[in-house]
Amino acid sequence: AWEFIGDDHVLTLNGDNHYPASAIQALAATDAPGLVGFSAEALVAKGNVAADRLGAFALIAADRDGMLTAIQEKPTDAVIAAAGPDALFSMNLWAFSPVILDACTRIASSPRGELELPDAVRSTMSVERIRYRVLPSHDRVLDLSNRSDIAAVTARLADHVVTL
């Protein structure tokens, strides 16, 4: 990835989510490190994420200036409830500077045995003092994390016209 990215910013996203084009466009327009924070209400009411699945994603917090202050992977129900009705979640739609690549080499496996992007993000925040802008979104995300999501997403996109 180093050779491809060079000195540019790069958008990174999950291949198993259908993101709103407006969120991708807004993130690309920032030309700075950042992420889209999706509201719990939109994920549940407009998307296909059941309320009891929110804990499978990362809860994020931002300061008054809209800059990321915390990211917690796989929060408990109690932590989600404490975050309140305006809680935002990362669905892994990021804009990174090349600094993220070095951070990825520094992190260790999580307790789940995974190399997790939020750990690399926290590393860049503490080591390089990178600040990430949080772009709130109240648009839907269609999640395809599980095989059981396919039918619901297929139905939601049945009338969707693809233009290239």
Protein backbone atom coordinates (compact mmCIF):
# COMPACT_ATOMS: atom_id res chain seq x y z
CA ALA A 1 0.00 0.00 0.00
CA TRP A 2 2.93 2.37 0.60
CA GLU A 3 3.77 2.55 -3.10
CA PHE A 4 0.15 3.13 -4.08
CA ILE A 5 -0.56 5.80 -1.45
CA GLY A 6 2.70 7.71 -1.64
CA ASP A 7 2.10 11.12 -0.05
CA ASP A 8 -1.64 11.17 -0.79
CA HIS A 9 -4.64 10.84 1.44
CA VAL A 10 -6.60 7.67 0.81
CA LEU A 11 -10.16 6.59 1.52
CA THR A 12 -10.54 3.23 3.21
CA LEU A 13 -13.83 1.41 3.53
CA ASN A 14 -15.26 -2.01 4.21
CA GLY A 15 -16.16 -4.09 1.18
CA ASP A 16 -19.12 -5.60 3.02
CA ASN A 17 -21.05 -2.35 3.54
CA HIS A 18 -23.17 -0.31 1.15
CA TYR A 19 -22.42 3.31 2.08
CA PRO A 20 -24.35 6.41 1.06
CA ALA A 21 -22.59 8.22 -1.79
CA SER A 22 -23.06 11.52 0.05
CA ALA A 23 -20.97 10.28 2.99
CA ILE A 24 -18.16 9.09 0.71
CA GLN A 25 -18.19 12.36 -1.22
CA ALA A 26 -18.13 14.47 1.96
CA LEU A 27 -15.20 12.49 3.35
CA ALA A 28 -13.26 12.73 0.09
CA ALA A 29 -13.83 16.48 0.00
CA THR A 30 -12.16 17.00 3.40
CA ASP A 31 -8.71 16.04 2.03
CA ALA A 32 -7.67 15.40 5.63
CA PRO A 33 -7.79 12.50 8.07
CA GLY A 34 -11.31 11.73 9.17
CA LEU A 35 -14.20 9.31 9.35
CA VAL A 36 -17.93 9.27 8.97
CA GLY A 37 -19.83 8.78 12.21
CA PHE A 38 -23.19 7.17 11.54
CA SER A 39 -26.02 7.79 13.99
CA ALA A 40 -27.41 4.78 15.80
CA GLU A 41 -30.91 5.87 14.77
CA ALA A 42 -30.02 5.83 11.08
CA LEU A 43 -28.24 2.48 11.30
CA VAL A 44 -31.27 0.89 12.96
CA ALA A 45 -34.25 2.72 11.43
CA LYS A 46 -32.93 3.35 7.91
CA GLY A 47 -30.36 0.59 7.52
CA ASN A 48 -30.43 -3.09 8.35
CA VAL A 49 -28.57 -3.03 11.68
CA ALA A 50 -30.68 -4.33 14.55
CA ALA A 51 -30.31 -2.35 17.78
CA ASP A 52 -28.85 -5.39 19.51
CA ARG A 53 -26.06 -5.52 16.86
CA LEU A 54 -24.73 -1.99 17.48
CA GLY A 55 -22.19 -3.48 19.87
CA ALA A 56 -20.55 -5.23 16.92
CA PHE A 57 -19.30 -1.88 15.64
CA ALA A 58 -17.10 0.90 17.05
CA LEU A 59 -18.61 3.65 19.19
CA ILE A 60 -16.95 7.01 18.57
CA ALA A 61 -16.85 10.32 20.41
CA ALA A 62 -15.94 13.76 19.15
CA ASP A 63 -15.16 17.06 20.83
CA ARG A 64 -17.01 20.34 20.24
CA ASP A 65 -14.84 20.99 17.19
CA GLY A 66 -15.92 17.71 15.61
CA MET A 67 -12.57 15.99 16.15
CA LEU A 68 -12.35 12.34 17.19
CA THR A 69 -11.57 11.92 20.89
CA ALA A 70 -12.31 8.22 21.40
CA ILE A 71 -13.12 5.06 19.53
CA GLN A 72 -14.21 1.91 21.30
CA GLU A 73 -14.43 -1.30 19.33
CA LYS A 74 -17.27 -3.66 20.30
CA PRO A 75 -18.82 -1.57 23.14
CA THR A 76 -21.12 -3.22 25.65
CA ASP A 77 -24.83 -2.41 25.81
CA ALA A 78 -24.19 -0.38 28.97
CA VAL A 79 -21.52 1.73 27.24
CA ILE A 80 -23.82 2.32 24.26
CA ALA A 81 -26.68 3.34 26.56
CA ALA A 82 -24.37 5.73 28.45
CA ALA A 83 -23.37 7.37 25.15
CA GLY A 84 -26.96 8.53 24.74
CA PRO A 85 -29.28 8.98 21.78
CA ASP A 86 -26.78 11.01 19.75
CA ALA A 87 -24.15 8.25 19.77
CA LEU A 88 -22.16 7.85 16.57
CA PHE A 89 -20.68 4.63 15.22
CA SER A 90 -17.83 3.96 12.87
CA MET A 91 -18.75 1.71 9.99
CA ASN A 92 -15.12 1.89 8.80
CA LEU A 93 -15.41 4.71 6.29
CA TRP A 94 -12.11 6.56 6.77
CA ALA A 95 -9.80 9.09 5.13
CA PHE A 96 -6.17 8.52 6.08
CA SER A 97 -2.85 10.22 5.56
CA PRO A 98 0.12 7.93 4.81
CA VAL A 99 0.98 8.01 8.55
CA ILE A 100 -1.59 5.24 9.10
CA LEU A 101 0.70 2.75 7.34
CA ASP A 102 3.48 3.09 9.93
CA ALA A 103 0.89 2.87 12.71
CA CYS A 104 -0.40 -0.40 11.29
CA THR A 105 3.08 -1.88 11.69
CA ARG A 106 3.21 -0.81 15.36
CA ILE A 107 0.01 -2.33 16.69
CA ALA A 108 -0.37 -5.69 18.34
CA SER A 109 -3.19 -8.18 17.98
CA SER A 110 -6.33 -7.41 19.95
CA PRO A 111 -7.69 -9.81 22.58
CA ARG A 112 -9.76 -11.26 19.71
CA GLY A 113 -6.54 -12.04 17.82
CA GLU A 114 -7.13 -9.36 15.18
CA LEU A 115 -5.10 -6.40 13.98
CA GLU A 116 -7.73 -3.69 14.41
CA LEU A 117 -7.79 -0.40 12.57
CA PRO A 118 -9.02 1.56 15.63
CA ASP A 119 -5.79 0.56 17.40
CA ALA A 120 -3.75 2.04 14.53
CA VAL A 121 -5.89 5.19 14.62
CA ARG A 122 -5.33 5.59 18.37
CA SER A 123 -1.61 5.13 17.76
CA THR A 124 -1.52 7.96 15.22
CA MET A 125 -3.48 10.15 17.61
CA SER A 126 -1.00 9.62 20.43
CA VAL A 127 2.33 9.23 18.60
CA GLU A 128 2.00 11.58 15.62
CA ARG A 129 -0.75 13.76 17.13
CA ILE A 130 -2.99 13.22 14.09
CA ARG A 131 -6.49 14.65 14.47
CA TYR A 132 -9.43 13.00 12.73
CA ARG A 133 -12.50 14.99 11.71
CA VAL A 134 -15.78 13.20 12.44
CA LEU A 135 -18.41 13.81 9.78
CA PRO A 136 -21.80 12.95 11.28
CA SER A 137 -24.26 11.16 9.00
CA HIS A 138 -27.90 10.34 9.46
CA ASP A 139 -28.00 8.29 6.27
CA ARG A 140 -28.36 4.54 6.13
CA VAL A 141 -25.63 1.98 5.80
CA LEU A 142 -26.51 -1.48 4.57
CA ASP A 143 -24.31 -3.96 6.39
CA LEU A 144 -23.32 -7.31 4.94
CA SER A 145 -21.28 -8.65 7.86
CA ASN A 146 -23.26 -11.86 8.06
CA ARG A 147 -24.59 -14.26 5.45
CA SER A 148 -28.05 -13.64 6.91
CA ASP A 149 -27.81 -9.96 5.81
CA ILE A 150 -27.83 -10.82 2.09
CA ALA A 151 -31.59 -11.23 1.65
CA ALA A 152 -32.45 -7.97 3.43
CA VAL A 153 -29.85 -5.98 1.52
CA THR A 154 -30.89 -7.54 -1.79
CA ALA A 155 -34.50 -6.52 -1.11
CA ARG A 156 -33.47 -2.97 -0.14
CA LEU A 157 -31.46 -2.54 -3.34
CA ALA A 158 -33.90 -4.25 -5.72
CA ASP A 159 -35.10 -0.95 -7.19
CA HIS A 160 -31.70 0.79 -7.00
CA VAL A 161 -30.40 1.96 -10.35
CA VAL A 162 -26.64 1.71 -10.72
CA THR A 163 -24.97 4.44 -12.75
CA LEU A 164 -21.30 4.51 -13.51
